[in-house]
Amino acid sequence: MQNIKSSCATASATPDVTSEVTSDSKSKHSGLLANFDHFANHVTSWVGTPIAFGSALGGVIIWALVGPVFKYSENWQLIINTGTSVVTFLMVFLIQQSQSKDSVALHLKLDELLKATKSANNQMMCIEDLDEEELRSMAAHYLKLAKNAQHSANSKAVPSQ
């Protein structure tokens, strides 16, 4: 448990920098990055709507209905294969960008909660930087703590007779 990166140990001593970070990041953000972020947020929000699903379903239905007109040719099949491949390829990047941003924001919020809680283990603040073996070790440690707490709770319970 002691092998957590030392940079995290000092994180609890960091002063409140919310206003500084917000103003600095706006000035340092490139226009391209800000535009991509804005675009990715709108697209990923929109593709989860019933309208987006209905549009995609409608496109597939139209494609299926025109199949007899094109005698179910290879070109007819190529249209749907190419279209879905291109859309999927591009969506992977947009969704990944949005998920990465959400993940960073969530980690920062949890780090702030850990920092604010005096009894919390501040070593938990940067566990996302650990490798899988270290994470499994920490999970085993906390599972053991949970079992001990459950055992203590069960031994303190007074059976009713």
N, C-alpha and C. Protein backbone atom coordinates (compact mmCIF):
# COMPACT_ATOMS: atom_id res chain seq x y z
N MET A 1 0.81 -1.19 0.00
CA MET A 1 0.00 0.00 0.00
C MET A 1 0.86 1.26 0.00
N GLN A 2 2.11 1.13 0.39
CA GLN A 2 2.96 2.30 0.52
C GLN A 2 3.61 2.72 -0.80
N ASN A 3 3.41 1.97 -1.88
CA ASN A 3 4.09 2.26 -3.13
C ASN A 3 3.33 3.21 -4.04
N ILE A 4 2.36 3.90 -3.54
CA ILE A 4 1.63 4.88 -4.35
C ILE A 4 2.56 6.05 -4.63
N LYS A 5 2.46 6.55 -5.81
CA LYS A 5 3.38 7.60 -6.26
C LYS A 5 3.40 8.79 -5.31
N SER A 6 4.60 9.29 -5.05
CA SER A 6 4.77 10.34 -4.05
C SER A 6 4.10 11.65 -4.44
N SER A 7 3.89 11.88 -5.74
CA SER A 7 3.25 13.13 -6.14
C SER A 7 1.83 13.23 -5.59
N CYS A 8 1.22 12.10 -5.35
CA CYS A 8 -0.14 12.11 -4.81
C CYS A 8 -0.14 12.44 -3.33
N ALA A 9 0.94 12.11 -2.64
CA ALA A 9 1.00 12.37 -1.21
C ALA A 9 0.94 13.87 -0.91
N THR A 10 1.47 14.68 -1.80
CA THR A 10 1.44 16.12 -1.59
C THR A 10 0.18 16.76 -2.13
N ALA A 11 -0.65 16.00 -2.80
CA ALA A 11 -1.86 16.57 -3.40
C ALA A 11 -2.80 17.14 -2.37
N SER A 12 -2.83 16.55 -1.17
CA SER A 12 -3.75 17.05 -0.14
C SER A 12 -3.34 18.42 0.38
N ALA A 13 -2.09 18.81 0.14
CA ALA A 13 -1.62 20.10 0.62
C ALA A 13 -1.80 21.21 -0.42
N THR A 14 -2.35 20.87 -1.58
CA THR A 14 -2.51 21.84 -2.65
C THR A 14 -3.60 22.84 -2.28
N PRO A 15 -3.33 24.15 -2.43
CA PRO A 15 -4.34 25.16 -2.09
C PRO A 15 -5.46 25.16 -3.13
N ASP A 16 -6.54 25.86 -2.81
CA ASP A 16 -7.67 25.97 -3.72
C ASP A 16 -7.24 26.75 -4.96
N VAL A 17 -7.29 26.10 -6.12
CA VAL A 17 -6.81 26.73 -7.35
C VAL A 17 -7.89 26.75 -8.43
N THR A 18 -9.13 26.54 -8.06
CA THR A 18 -10.20 26.44 -9.03
C THR A 18 -10.27 27.66 -9.94
N SER A 19 -10.26 28.86 -9.36
CA SER A 19 -10.38 30.05 -10.19
C SER A 19 -9.14 30.27 -11.04
N GLU A 20 -7.96 29.94 -10.49
CA GLU A 20 -6.73 30.08 -11.27
C GLU A 20 -6.71 29.13 -12.44
N VAL A 21 -7.08 27.88 -12.22
CA VAL A 21 -7.06 26.87 -13.27
C VAL A 21 -8.05 27.23 -14.36
N THR A 22 -9.23 27.68 -13.99
CA THR A 22 -10.25 28.03 -14.96
C THR A 22 -9.79 29.16 -15.87
N SER A 23 -9.24 30.21 -15.31
CA SER A 23 -8.82 31.34 -16.14
C SER A 23 -7.57 31.00 -16.94
N ASP A 24 -6.63 30.25 -16.36
CA ASP A 24 -5.43 29.87 -17.09
C ASP A 24 -5.72 28.92 -18.23
N SER A 25 -6.61 27.96 -18.01
CA SER A 25 -6.87 26.98 -19.05
C SER A 25 -7.59 27.60 -20.24
N LYS A 26 -8.42 28.61 -20.00
CA LYS A 26 -9.10 29.27 -21.10
C LYS A 26 -8.11 30.01 -21.99
N SER A 27 -7.10 30.63 -21.37
CA SER A 27 -6.13 31.38 -22.17
C SER A 27 -5.17 30.45 -22.89
N LYS A 28 -4.92 29.26 -22.33
CA LYS A 28 -3.96 28.34 -22.94
C LYS A 28 -4.60 27.40 -23.96
N HIS A 29 -5.92 27.23 -23.91
CA HIS A 29 -6.60 26.34 -24.84
C HIS A 29 -6.47 26.88 -26.26
N SER A 30 -6.12 26.01 -27.16
CA SER A 30 -6.11 26.44 -28.56
C SER A 30 -7.54 26.48 -29.06
N GLY A 31 -7.77 27.27 -30.07
CA GLY A 31 -9.11 27.36 -30.64
C GLY A 31 -9.56 26.02 -31.20
N LEU A 32 -8.64 25.27 -31.80
CA LEU A 32 -8.98 23.98 -32.38
C LEU A 32 -9.43 23.00 -31.31
N LEU A 33 -8.68 22.94 -30.21
CA LEU A 33 -9.04 22.05 -29.12
C LEU A 33 -10.38 22.42 -28.51
N ALA A 34 -10.60 23.71 -28.30
CA ALA A 34 -11.87 24.16 -27.73
C ALA A 34 -13.03 23.85 -28.67
N ASN A 35 -12.82 24.07 -29.97
CA ASN A 35 -13.88 23.77 -30.94
C ASN A 35 -14.16 22.28 -31.01
N PHE A 36 -13.10 21.46 -30.98
CA PHE A 36 -13.29 20.01 -31.02
C PHE A 36 -14.04 19.54 -29.78
N ASP A 37 -13.67 20.07 -28.63
CA ASP A 37 -14.33 19.71 -27.38
C ASP A 37 -15.81 20.07 -27.43
N HIS A 38 -16.10 21.25 -27.91
CA HIS A 38 -17.49 21.71 -28.04
C HIS A 38 -18.26 20.81 -29.01
N PHE A 39 -17.65 20.52 -30.16
CA PHE A 39 -18.28 19.67 -31.17
C PHE A 39 -18.52 18.26 -30.61
N ALA A 40 -17.50 17.68 -29.96
CA ALA A 40 -17.62 16.32 -29.41
C ALA A 40 -18.72 16.25 -28.36
N ASN A 41 -18.82 17.27 -27.52
CA ASN A 41 -19.87 17.28 -26.50
C ASN A 41 -21.26 17.28 -27.13
N HIS A 42 -21.44 18.11 -28.16
CA HIS A 42 -22.75 18.17 -28.81
C HIS A 42 -23.08 16.88 -29.55
N VAL A 43 -22.11 16.34 -30.27
CA VAL A 43 -22.37 15.12 -31.03
C VAL A 43 -22.67 13.96 -30.09
N THR A 44 -21.85 13.77 -29.05
CA THR A 44 -22.09 12.64 -28.15
C THR A 44 -23.39 12.80 -27.37
N SER A 45 -23.79 14.03 -27.10
CA SER A 45 -25.09 14.24 -26.46
C SER A 45 -26.22 13.91 -27.43
N TRP A 46 -26.07 14.31 -28.68
CA TRP A 46 -27.13 14.12 -29.66
C TRP A 46 -27.28 12.65 -30.05
N VAL A 47 -26.19 11.91 -30.21
CA VAL A 47 -26.31 10.52 -30.68
C VAL A 47 -27.00 9.62 -29.67
N GLY A 48 -27.12 10.06 -28.44
CA GLY A 48 -27.81 9.27 -27.44
C GLY A 48 -29.31 9.55 -27.37
N THR A 49 -29.81 10.38 -28.26
CA THR A 49 -31.22 10.73 -28.22
C THR A 49 -32.07 9.78 -29.06
N PRO A 50 -33.36 9.72 -28.77
CA PRO A 50 -34.25 8.90 -29.59
C PRO A 50 -34.29 9.37 -31.06
N ILE A 51 -34.12 10.66 -31.29
CA ILE A 51 -34.13 11.18 -32.67
C ILE A 51 -32.96 10.61 -33.45
N ALA A 52 -31.79 10.55 -32.84
CA ALA A 52 -30.61 9.99 -33.51
C ALA A 52 -30.82 8.51 -33.80
N PHE A 53 -31.34 7.78 -32.83
CA PHE A 53 -31.60 6.36 -33.04
C PHE A 53 -32.63 6.18 -34.15
N GLY A 54 -33.70 6.96 -34.12
CA GLY A 54 -34.73 6.87 -35.16
C GLY A 54 -34.16 7.19 -36.54
N SER A 55 -33.26 8.18 -36.60
CA SER A 55 -32.64 8.52 -37.88
C SER A 55 -31.79 7.37 -38.40
N ALA A 56 -31.02 6.77 -37.54
CA ALA A 56 -30.18 5.63 -37.95
C ALA A 56 -31.05 4.45 -38.36
N LEU A 57 -32.08 4.18 -37.59
CA LEU A 57 -32.99 3.09 -37.93
C LEU A 57 -33.70 3.37 -39.25
N GLY A 58 -34.12 4.62 -39.45
CA GLY A 58 -34.76 5.00 -40.72
C GLY A 58 -33.82 4.80 -41.90
N GLY A 59 -32.56 5.16 -41.74
CA GLY A 59 -31.58 4.96 -42.80
C GLY A 59 -31.41 3.50 -43.16
N VAL A 60 -31.37 2.65 -42.15
CA VAL A 60 -31.24 1.21 -42.39
C VAL A 60 -32.49 0.66 -43.07
N ILE A 61 -33.66 1.13 -42.65
CA ILE A 61 -34.91 0.67 -43.27
C ILE A 61 -34.97 1.09 -44.74
N ILE A 62 -34.61 2.34 -45.01
CA ILE A 62 -34.59 2.81 -46.40
C ILE A 62 -33.60 2.00 -47.22
N TRP A 63 -32.43 1.77 -46.67
CA TRP A 63 -31.42 0.96 -47.36
C TRP A 63 -31.98 -0.44 -47.66
N ALA A 64 -32.66 -1.06 -46.69
CA ALA A 64 -33.23 -2.39 -46.90
C ALA A 64 -34.34 -2.37 -47.95
N LEU A 65 -35.15 -1.31 -47.94
CA LEU A 65 -36.26 -1.23 -48.89
C LEU A 65 -35.80 -1.05 -50.33
N VAL A 66 -34.66 -0.38 -50.52
CA VAL A 66 -34.16 -0.19 -51.90
C VAL A 66 -33.32 -1.37 -52.37
N GLY A 67 -33.14 -2.35 -51.51
CA GLY A 67 -32.39 -3.56 -51.89
C GLY A 67 -32.91 -4.22 -53.14
N PRO A 68 -34.23 -4.45 -53.26
CA PRO A 68 -34.74 -5.09 -54.48
C PRO A 68 -34.49 -4.26 -55.75
N VAL A 69 -34.52 -2.92 -55.60
CA VAL A 69 -34.27 -2.05 -56.76
C VAL A 69 -32.86 -2.29 -57.29
N PHE A 70 -31.91 -2.47 -56.41
CA PHE A 70 -30.52 -2.69 -56.80
C PHE A 70 -30.17 -4.18 -56.88
N LYS A 71 -31.20 -5.02 -56.77
CA LYS A 71 -31.04 -6.49 -56.85
C LYS A 71 -30.03 -7.00 -55.83
N TYR A 72 -30.03 -6.37 -54.68
CA TYR A 72 -29.16 -6.78 -53.58
C TYR A 72 -27.71 -6.96 -54.04
N SER A 73 -27.27 -6.04 -54.86
CA SER A 73 -25.93 -6.12 -55.46
C SER A 73 -24.83 -5.84 -54.43
N GLU A 74 -23.61 -6.06 -54.88
CA GLU A 74 -22.47 -5.78 -54.01
C GLU A 74 -22.37 -4.29 -53.71
N ASN A 75 -22.69 -3.46 -54.68
CA ASN A 75 -22.66 -2.01 -54.46
C ASN A 75 -23.69 -1.60 -53.41
N TRP A 76 -24.84 -2.22 -53.45
CA TRP A 76 -25.89 -1.95 -52.46
C TRP A 76 -25.39 -2.31 -51.06
N GLN A 77 -24.73 -3.45 -50.93
CA GLN A 77 -24.18 -3.87 -49.64
C GLN A 77 -23.01 -2.97 -49.22
N LEU A 78 -22.22 -2.54 -50.21
CA LEU A 78 -21.07 -1.69 -49.92
C LEU A 78 -21.49 -0.36 -49.30
N ILE A 79 -22.65 0.14 -49.71
CA ILE A 79 -23.14 1.42 -49.17
C ILE A 79 -23.32 1.34 -47.66
N ILE A 80 -24.01 0.32 -47.18
CA ILE A 80 -24.26 0.23 -45.74
C ILE A 80 -22.97 -0.12 -44.99
N ASN A 81 -22.15 -0.99 -45.57
CA ASN A 81 -20.90 -1.36 -44.91
C ASN A 81 -19.97 -0.16 -44.78
N THR A 82 -19.82 0.59 -45.84
CA THR A 82 -18.94 1.76 -45.80
C THR A 82 -19.49 2.83 -44.87
N GLY A 83 -20.78 3.10 -44.97
CA GLY A 83 -21.41 4.12 -44.13
C GLY A 83 -21.27 3.81 -42.66
N THR A 84 -21.58 2.58 -42.28
CA THR A 84 -21.49 2.24 -40.86
C THR A 84 -20.05 2.20 -40.38
N SER A 85 -19.13 1.78 -41.23
CA SER A 85 -17.72 1.76 -40.83
C SER A 85 -17.18 3.16 -40.59
N VAL A 86 -17.50 4.09 -41.48
CA VAL A 86 -17.02 5.46 -41.34
C VAL A 86 -17.62 6.11 -40.09
N VAL A 87 -18.92 5.95 -39.90
CA VAL A 87 -19.57 6.55 -38.74
C VAL A 87 -18.99 5.96 -37.45
N THR A 88 -18.83 4.65 -37.41
CA THR A 88 -18.27 4.00 -36.22
C THR A 88 -16.86 4.48 -35.94
N PHE A 89 -16.03 4.55 -36.98
CA PHE A 89 -14.65 5.00 -36.83
C PHE A 89 -14.59 6.40 -36.23
N LEU A 90 -15.39 7.31 -36.76
CA LEU A 90 -15.37 8.69 -36.27
C LEU A 90 -15.96 8.81 -34.86
N MET A 91 -17.01 8.05 -34.60
CA MET A 91 -17.66 8.11 -33.29
C MET A 91 -16.74 7.62 -32.17
N VAL A 92 -15.88 6.67 -32.49
CA VAL A 92 -14.94 6.18 -31.48
C VAL A 92 -14.11 7.33 -30.92
N PHE A 93 -13.62 8.20 -31.78
CA PHE A 93 -12.79 9.31 -31.33
C PHE A 93 -13.61 10.35 -30.55
N LEU A 94 -14.81 10.63 -31.02
CA LEU A 94 -15.64 11.61 -30.32
C LEU A 94 -16.05 11.11 -28.94
N ILE A 95 -16.48 9.87 -28.88
CA ILE A 95 -16.90 9.31 -27.59
C ILE A 95 -15.71 9.19 -26.65
N GLN A 96 -14.55 8.78 -27.18
CA GLN A 96 -13.36 8.66 -26.33
C GLN A 96 -12.98 10.01 -25.74
N GLN A 97 -13.05 11.06 -26.53
CA GLN A 97 -12.71 12.39 -26.04
C GLN A 97 -13.65 12.79 -24.91
N SER A 98 -14.94 12.59 -25.13
CA SER A 98 -15.92 12.95 -24.09
C SER A 98 -15.74 12.11 -22.83
N GLN A 99 -15.50 10.81 -23.00
CA GLN A 99 -15.31 9.93 -21.84
C GLN A 99 -14.04 10.29 -21.08
N SER A 100 -12.99 10.63 -21.80
CA SER A 100 -11.74 11.01 -21.14
C SER A 100 -11.93 12.27 -20.31
N LYS A 101 -12.61 13.25 -20.88
CA LYS A 101 -12.86 14.50 -20.16
C LYS A 101 -13.74 14.25 -18.93
N ASP A 102 -14.78 13.45 -19.10
CA ASP A 102 -15.65 13.12 -17.98
C ASP A 102 -14.88 12.37 -16.89
N SER A 103 -14.01 11.47 -17.30
CA SER A 103 -13.23 10.69 -16.34
C SER A 103 -12.30 11.60 -15.54
N VAL A 104 -11.63 12.53 -16.21
CA VAL A 104 -10.74 13.46 -15.51
C VAL A 104 -11.55 14.31 -14.53
N ALA A 105 -12.69 14.81 -14.97
CA ALA A 105 -13.53 15.64 -14.09
C ALA A 105 -14.00 14.84 -12.88
N LEU A 106 -14.39 13.60 -13.09
CA LEU A 106 -14.85 12.75 -11.99
C LEU A 106 -13.71 12.48 -11.00
N HIS A 107 -12.52 12.20 -11.52
CA HIS A 107 -11.37 11.97 -10.64
C HIS A 107 -11.06 13.22 -9.82
N LEU A 108 -11.14 14.37 -10.45
CA LEU A 108 -10.86 15.62 -9.71
C LEU A 108 -11.89 15.85 -8.61
N LYS A 109 -13.15 15.57 -8.90
CA LYS A 109 -14.19 15.73 -7.88
C LYS A 109 -13.97 14.76 -6.73
N LEU A 110 -13.65 13.51 -7.05
CA LEU A 110 -13.39 12.54 -5.99
C LEU A 110 -12.14 12.90 -5.20
N ASP A 111 -11.12 13.39 -5.89
CA ASP A 111 -9.91 13.83 -5.19
C ASP A 111 -10.23 14.95 -4.22
N GLU A 112 -11.08 15.87 -4.64
CA GLU A 112 -11.46 16.98 -3.76
C GLU A 112 -12.22 16.46 -2.55
N LEU A 113 -13.10 15.49 -2.73
CA LEU A 113 -13.82 14.91 -1.60
C LEU A 113 -12.86 14.20 -0.65
N LEU A 114 -11.90 13.47 -1.22
CA LEU A 114 -10.91 12.80 -0.37
C LEU A 114 -10.08 13.82 0.41
N LYS A 115 -9.71 14.89 -0.27
CA LYS A 115 -8.91 15.93 0.36
C LYS A 115 -9.70 16.59 1.50
N ALA A 116 -10.99 16.76 1.32
CA ALA A 116 -11.82 17.45 2.30
C ALA A 116 -12.18 16.55 3.49
N THR A 117 -12.07 15.26 3.32
CA THR A 117 -12.43 14.33 4.39
C THR A 117 -11.18 14.00 5.19
N LYS A 118 -11.15 14.42 6.42
CA LYS A 118 -9.95 14.26 7.25
C LYS A 118 -9.58 12.80 7.47
N SER A 119 -10.57 11.93 7.60
CA SER A 119 -10.27 10.53 7.89
C SER A 119 -10.00 9.71 6.62
N ALA A 120 -10.11 10.33 5.46
CA ALA A 120 -9.89 9.59 4.21
C ALA A 120 -8.41 9.31 4.00
N ASN A 121 -8.14 8.25 3.28
CA ASN A 121 -6.77 7.89 2.92
C ASN A 121 -6.40 8.69 1.68
N ASN A 122 -5.57 9.72 1.84
CA ASN A 122 -5.19 10.58 0.72
C ASN A 122 -4.39 9.86 -0.34
N GLN A 123 -3.86 8.68 -0.03
CA GLN A 123 -3.15 7.91 -1.04
C GLN A 123 -4.09 7.47 -2.16
N MET A 124 -5.37 7.47 -1.90
CA MET A 124 -6.37 7.06 -2.90
C MET A 124 -6.53 8.10 -4.00
N MET A 125 -6.01 9.29 -3.80
CA MET A 125 -6.26 10.39 -4.73
C MET A 125 -5.69 10.15 -6.12
N CYS A 126 -4.66 9.39 -6.27
CA CYS A 126 -4.05 9.19 -7.58
C CYS A 126 -3.98 7.72 -7.97
N ILE A 127 -4.90 6.92 -7.52
CA ILE A 127 -4.80 5.50 -7.83
C ILE A 127 -5.03 5.21 -9.31
N GLU A 128 -5.62 6.14 -10.04
CA GLU A 128 -5.81 5.89 -11.47
C GLU A 128 -4.48 5.82 -12.21
N ASP A 129 -3.40 6.27 -11.58
CA ASP A 129 -2.07 6.20 -12.19
C ASP A 129 -1.37 4.88 -11.92
N LEU A 130 -1.94 4.03 -11.09
CA LEU A 130 -1.32 2.75 -10.76
C LEU A 130 -1.53 1.75 -11.89
N ASP A 131 -0.65 0.74 -11.93
CA ASP A 131 -0.85 -0.31 -12.92
C ASP A 131 -1.88 -1.30 -12.38
N GLU A 132 -2.27 -2.26 -13.20
CA GLU A 132 -3.36 -3.15 -12.83
C GLU A 132 -3.02 -4.01 -11.61
N GLU A 133 -1.78 -4.45 -11.51
CA GLU A 133 -1.39 -5.27 -10.37
C GLU A 133 -1.50 -4.49 -9.06
N GLU A 134 -1.09 -3.23 -9.07
CA GLU A 134 -1.19 -2.39 -7.88
C GLU A 134 -2.66 -2.13 -7.52
N LEU A 135 -3.50 -1.94 -8.55
CA LEU A 135 -4.93 -1.73 -8.30
C LEU A 135 -5.56 -2.98 -7.69
N ARG A 136 -5.18 -4.14 -8.21
CA ARG A 136 -5.71 -5.40 -7.65
C ARG A 136 -5.28 -5.57 -6.19
N SER A 137 -4.06 -5.19 -5.90
CA SER A 137 -3.56 -5.26 -4.53
C SER A 137 -4.37 -4.34 -3.61
N MET A 138 -4.63 -3.14 -4.08
CA MET A 138 -5.43 -2.20 -3.28
C MET A 138 -6.85 -2.71 -3.11
N ALA A 139 -7.41 -3.28 -4.17
CA ALA A 139 -8.78 -3.82 -4.08
C ALA A 139 -8.83 -4.95 -3.06
N ALA A 140 -7.82 -5.80 -3.05
CA ALA A 140 -7.76 -6.89 -2.07
C ALA A 140 -7.66 -6.33 -0.66
N HIS A 141 -6.87 -5.29 -0.49
CA HIS A 141 -6.72 -4.65 0.82
C HIS A 141 -8.07 -4.10 1.31
N TYR A 142 -8.80 -3.42 0.44
CA TYR A 142 -10.08 -2.83 0.85
C TYR A 142 -11.16 -3.90 1.01
N LEU A 143 -11.05 -4.99 0.27
CA LEU A 143 -11.97 -6.10 0.48
C LEU A 143 -11.75 -6.71 1.86
N LYS A 144 -10.49 -6.84 2.24
CA LYS A 144 -10.16 -7.34 3.57
C LYS A 144 -10.69 -6.40 4.65
N LEU A 145 -10.52 -5.09 4.45
CA LEU A 145 -11.07 -4.12 5.41
C LEU A 145 -12.59 -4.25 5.53
N ALA A 146 -13.26 -4.43 4.40
CA ALA A 146 -14.72 -4.57 4.40
C ALA A 146 -15.15 -5.84 5.15
N LYS A 147 -14.43 -6.93 4.92
CA LYS A 147 -14.75 -8.18 5.61
C LYS A 147 -14.52 -8.04 7.11
N ASN A 148 -13.43 -7.37 7.50
CA ASN A 148 -13.17 -7.14 8.92
C ASN A 148 -14.27 -6.28 9.55
N ALA A 149 -14.71 -5.25 8.83
CA ALA A 149 -15.77 -4.39 9.34
C ALA A 149 -17.08 -5.18 9.48
N GLN A 150 -17.36 -6.03 8.51
CA GLN A 150 -18.57 -6.85 8.57
C GLN A 150 -18.48 -7.83 9.75
N HIS A 151 -17.31 -8.42 9.92
CA HIS A 151 -17.12 -9.36 11.02
C HIS A 151 -17.30 -8.64 12.36
N SER A 152 -16.75 -7.44 12.47
CA SER A 152 -16.89 -6.66 13.71
C SER A 152 -18.36 -6.32 13.96
N ALA A 153 -19.07 -5.95 12.92
CA ALA A 153 -20.49 -5.60 13.06
C ALA A 153 -21.30 -6.83 13.48
N ASN A 154 -20.98 -7.98 12.90
CA ASN A 154 -21.70 -9.21 13.26
C ASN A 154 -21.41 -9.64 14.69
N SER A 155 -20.17 -9.46 15.15
CA SER A 155 -19.83 -9.89 16.51
C SER A 155 -20.42 -8.95 17.56
N LYS A 156 -20.67 -7.69 17.19
CA LYS A 156 -21.26 -6.73 18.13
C LYS A 156 -22.78 -6.85 18.19
N ALA A 157 -23.38 -7.45 17.16
CA ALA A 157 -24.84 -7.57 17.13
C ALA A 157 -25.28 -8.51 18.24
N VAL A 158 -26.29 -8.10 18.94
CA VAL A 158 -26.82 -8.90 20.03
C VAL A 158 -27.99 -9.72 19.47
N PRO A 159 -27.89 -11.04 19.56
CA PRO A 159 -29.00 -11.86 19.05
C PRO A 159 -30.24 -11.69 19.93
N SER A 160 -31.38 -11.57 19.29
CA SER A 160 -32.64 -11.41 20.03
C SER A 160 -33.25 -12.77 20.30
N GLN A 161 -33.58 -13.01 21.58
CA GLN A 161 -34.16 -14.31 21.95
C GLN A 161 -35.37 -14.12 22.79
